[in-house]
Structures are given as structure tokens and as C-alpha cells.
């Protein structure tokens, strides 16, 4: 099994553990879009307690990648994803975080 497949399997297990239904194909495409960051321990996760990190997610992913306008809805969506993944859950994998944002804003077409 490739390293990429191992990562996707880990994300799938995490979603299942949290009771979240997911589209494995879309999750794999979102993970691929994260690039090599999914292979580095620190970069593969989103620190929900770091305001600067959340601001980068907003600017670089939601605004630049998904093409959304900078509105309070973006901050609300990020907070919602943090809640969904669990505030005390240290495994907020970037690919899972981004996947939930893609689903929230119905932007899966970007990954077709």
C-alpha cells in the first residue's frame, strides 16, 4: 500500500470513528490537493487553537482555492468544522478539515 493510500485510510477511519459519512473518492482528491503536507506530522494537521493557522486556512484554502468571498460565514464554517472534528481531538487532519469545508460550501466540483 502506498503512503498516500495509508493516509486516506487513516482519514477514513477517523471519519468512521467520529460517525461522519464521507465520499472516499472526494476525500482522496482533497488529500491529493494538499500535496506533500499530508506526509509531515505537523503540517498534516490543523491546529484549531492557533488563530494564525485558522487565518491561513481561510485565506489560502477558502478564499484562494475555493474562490469564496471573505465574509463572516467563512469563520463560522471553520468553527463548525472544529466542533465537528471535536475540540479536544488532536487529530484534525488537514485533508479531513478541508474535505468538510468543501462539503459545507458545496465546492466538490473543483475536485472533479
C-alpha atoms as a PDB file:
ATOM      1  CA  UNK A   1       0.000   0.000   0.000  1.00  0.00           C
ATOM      2  CA  UNK A   2       1.345   3.431  -0.903  1.00  0.00           C
ATOM      3  CA  UNK A   3       1.920   6.158   1.663  1.00  0.00           C
ATOM      4  CA  UNK A   4      -0.914   8.150   0.086  1.00  0.00           C
ATOM      5  CA  UNK A   5      -3.325   5.229   0.423  1.00  0.00           C
ATOM      6  CA  UNK A   6      -2.276   4.801   4.052  1.00  0.00           C
ATOM      7  CA  UNK A   7      -3.101   8.458   4.722  1.00  0.00           C
ATOM      8  CA  UNK A   8      -6.504   8.150   3.048  1.00  0.00           C
ATOM      9  CA  UNK A   9      -7.221   5.020   5.063  1.00  0.00           C
ATOM     10  CA  UNK A  10      -6.335   6.871   8.261  1.00  0.00           C
ATOM     11  CA  UNK A  11      -8.728   9.700   7.353  1.00  0.00           C
ATOM     12  CA  UNK A  12     -11.480   7.200   6.588  1.00  0.00           C
ATOM     13  CA  UNK A  13     -11.010   5.520   9.962  1.00  0.00           C
ATOM     14  CA  UNK A  14     -11.127   8.889  11.730  1.00  0.00           C
ATOM     15  CA  UNK A  15     -14.348   9.872   9.944  1.00  0.00           C
ATOM     16  CA  UNK A  16     -15.880   6.489  10.803  1.00  0.00           C
ATOM     17  CA  UNK A  17     -14.804   6.832  14.438  1.00  0.00           C
ATOM     18  CA  UNK A  18     -16.484  10.248  14.555  1.00  0.00           C
ATOM     19  CA  UNK A  19     -19.629   8.867  12.898  1.00  0.00           C
ATOM     20  CA  UNK A  20     -19.284  11.100   9.832  1.00  0.00           C
ATOM     21  CA  UNK A  21     -20.322   9.738   6.443  1.00  0.00           C
ATOM     22  CA  UNK A  22     -17.895  10.642   3.674  1.00  0.00           C
ATOM     23  CA  UNK A  23     -17.213  10.189  -0.022  1.00  0.00           C
ATOM     24  CA  UNK A  24     -13.897   8.300  -0.219  1.00  0.00           C
ATOM     25  CA  UNK A  25     -13.192   9.450  -3.796  1.00  0.00           C
ATOM     26  CA  UNK A  26     -13.674  13.119  -2.954  1.00  0.00           C
ATOM     27  CA  UNK A  27     -11.637  12.719   0.232  1.00  0.00           C
ATOM     28  CA  UNK A  28      -8.778  11.232  -1.822  1.00  0.00           C
ATOM     29  CA  UNK A  29      -8.933  14.145  -4.274  1.00  0.00           C
ATOM     30  CA  UNK A  30      -8.898  16.706  -1.453  1.00  0.00           C
ATOM     31  CA  UNK A  31      -5.973  14.867   0.168  1.00  0.00           C
ATOM     32  CA  UNK A  32      -4.083  14.869  -3.139  1.00  0.00           C
ATOM     33  CA  UNK A  33      -4.720  18.622  -3.377  1.00  0.00           C
ATOM     34  CA  UNK A  34      -2.995  19.093  -0.002  1.00  0.00           C
ATOM     35  CA  UNK A  35       0.234  17.956  -1.619  1.00  0.00           C
ATOM     36  CA  UNK A  36       3.188  16.744   0.408  1.00  0.00           C
ATOM     37  CA  UNK A  37       1.897  18.369   3.602  1.00  0.00           C
ATOM     38  CA  UNK A  38      -0.121  15.219   4.370  1.00  0.00           C
ATOM     39  CA  UNK A  39       3.132  13.291   4.899  1.00  0.00           C
ATOM     40  CA  UNK A  40       4.625  15.628   7.519  1.00  0.00           C
ATOM     41  CA  UNK A  41       3.378  15.134  11.072  1.00  0.00           C
ATOM     42  CA  UNK A  42       2.932  18.817  11.919  1.00  0.00           C
ATOM     43  CA  UNK A  43       1.733  20.049   8.527  1.00  0.00           C
ATOM     44  CA  UNK A  44      -0.751  17.191   8.133  1.00  0.00           C
ATOM     45  CA  UNK A  45      -2.905  18.561  10.945  1.00  0.00           C
ATOM     46  CA  UNK A  46      -4.718  21.841  11.540  1.00  0.00           C
ATOM     47  CA  UNK A  47      -4.147  23.402  14.936  1.00  0.00           C
ATOM     48  CA  UNK A  48      -7.568  24.726  15.872  1.00  0.00           C
ATOM     49  CA  UNK A  49      -6.153  26.648  18.841  1.00  0.00           C
ATOM     50  CA  UNK A  50      -3.775  28.648  16.605  1.00  0.00           C
ATOM     51  CA  UNK A  51      -5.572  31.727  15.285  1.00  0.00           C
ATOM     52  CA  UNK A  52      -2.879  32.311  12.645  1.00  0.00           C
ATOM     53  CA  UNK A  53      -3.281  28.762  11.335  1.00  0.00           C
ATOM     54  CA  UNK A  54      -7.042  29.198  11.034  1.00  0.00           C
ATOM     55  CA  UNK A  55      -6.491  32.526   9.266  1.00  0.00           C
ATOM     56  CA  UNK A  56      -4.208  30.722   6.772  1.00  0.00           C
ATOM     57  CA  UNK A  57      -6.870  28.067   6.165  1.00  0.00           C
ATOM     58  CA  UNK A  58      -9.351  30.849   5.488  1.00  0.00           C
ATOM     59  CA  UNK A  59      -7.053  32.845   3.198  1.00  0.00           C
ATOM     60  CA  UNK A  60      -5.210  30.090   1.341  1.00  0.00           C
ATOM     61  CA  UNK A  61      -7.898  27.429   1.111  1.00  0.00           C
ATOM     62  CA  UNK A  62     -11.329  29.028   1.344  1.00  0.00           C
ATOM     63  CA  UNK A  63     -10.570  32.274  -0.467  1.00  0.00           C
ATOM     64  CA  UNK A  64      -7.768  31.311  -2.882  1.00  0.00           C
ATOM     65  CA  UNK A  65      -8.508  27.652  -3.621  1.00  0.00           C
ATOM     66  CA  UNK A  66     -12.306  27.567  -3.342  1.00  0.00           C
ATOM     67  CA  UNK A  67     -12.782  31.137  -4.585  1.00  0.00           C
ATOM     68  CA  UNK A  68     -15.058  32.252  -1.754  1.00  0.00           C
ATOM     69  CA  UNK A  69     -15.556  35.847  -0.659  1.00  0.00           C
ATOM     70  CA  UNK A  70     -14.165  36.878   2.732  1.00  0.00           C
ATOM     71  CA  UNK A  71     -17.296  37.030   4.879  1.00  0.00           C
ATOM     72  CA  UNK A  72     -18.125  36.061   8.475  1.00  0.00           C
ATOM     73  CA  UNK A  73     -19.598  32.829   7.061  1.00  0.00           C
ATOM     74  CA  UNK A  74     -16.058  31.574   6.434  1.00  0.00           C
ATOM     75  CA  UNK A  75     -15.115  31.965  10.104  1.00  0.00           C
ATOM     76  CA  UNK A  76     -18.397  30.324  11.128  1.00  0.00           C
ATOM     77  CA  UNK A  77     -17.707  27.369   8.821  1.00  0.00           C
ATOM     78  CA  UNK A  78     -14.194  26.933  10.231  1.00  0.00           C
ATOM     79  CA  UNK A  79     -15.605  26.974  13.785  1.00  0.00           C
ATOM     80  CA  UNK A  80     -18.243  24.442  12.747  1.00  0.00           C
ATOM     81  CA  UNK A  81     -15.590  22.091  11.335  1.00  0.00           C
ATOM     82  CA  UNK A  82     -13.551  22.437  14.543  1.00  0.00           C
ATOM     83  CA  UNK A  83     -16.659  21.439  16.508  1.00  0.00           C
ATOM     84  CA  UNK A  84     -17.433  18.559  14.131  1.00  0.00           C
ATOM     85  CA  UNK A  85     -13.936  17.129  14.468  1.00  0.00           C
ATOM     86  CA  UNK A  86     -14.023  17.699  18.233  1.00  0.00           C
ATOM     87  CA  UNK A  87     -12.262  20.480  20.102  1.00  0.00           C
ATOM     88  CA  UNK A  88     -10.245  18.010  22.174  1.00  0.00           C
ATOM     89  CA  UNK A  89      -9.463  15.756  19.205  1.00  0.00           C
ATOM     90  CA  UNK A  90      -5.803  16.323  18.348  1.00  0.00           C
ATOM     91  CA  UNK A  91      -6.190  14.541  15.012  1.00  0.00           C
ATOM     92  CA  UNK A  92      -7.691  17.332  12.960  1.00  0.00           C
ATOM     93  CA  UNK A  93      -6.093  16.139   9.766  1.00  0.00           C
ATOM     94  CA  UNK A  94      -5.779  18.874   7.138  1.00  0.00           C
ATOM     95  CA  UNK A  95      -7.343  16.705   4.407  1.00  0.00           C
ATOM     96  CA  UNK A  96     -10.366  15.948   6.617  1.00  0.00           C
ATOM     97  CA  UNK A  97     -10.660  19.602   7.647  1.00  0.00           C
ATOM     98  CA  UNK A  98     -10.573  20.740   4.020  1.00  0.00           C
ATOM     99  CA  UNK A  99     -12.952  17.965   2.954  1.00  0.00           C
ATOM    100  CA  UNK A 100     -15.586  19.158   5.445  1.00  0.00           C
ATOM    101  CA  UNK A 101     -15.176  22.739   4.222  1.00  0.00           C
ATOM    102  CA  UNK A 102     -15.536  21.615   0.591  1.00  0.00           C
ATOM    103  CA  UNK A 103     -18.747  19.786   1.501  1.00  0.00           C
ATOM    104  CA  UNK A 104     -20.043  22.724   3.581  1.00  0.00           C
ATOM    105  CA  UNK A 105     -19.651  25.165   0.687  1.00  0.00           C
ATOM    106  CA  UNK A 106     -20.665  22.633  -1.980  1.00  0.00           C
ATOM    107  CA  UNK A 107     -17.411  23.099  -3.898  1.00  0.00           C
ATOM    108  CA  UNK A 108     -16.700  19.457  -4.747  1.00  0.00           C
ATOM    109  CA  UNK A 109     -16.817  20.415  -8.440  1.00  0.00           C
ATOM    110  CA  UNK A 110     -13.336  21.900  -8.045  1.00  0.00           C
ATOM    111  CA  UNK A 111     -12.027  18.381  -7.458  1.00  0.00           C
ATOM    112  CA  UNK A 112     -13.692  16.657 -10.437  1.00  0.00           C
END
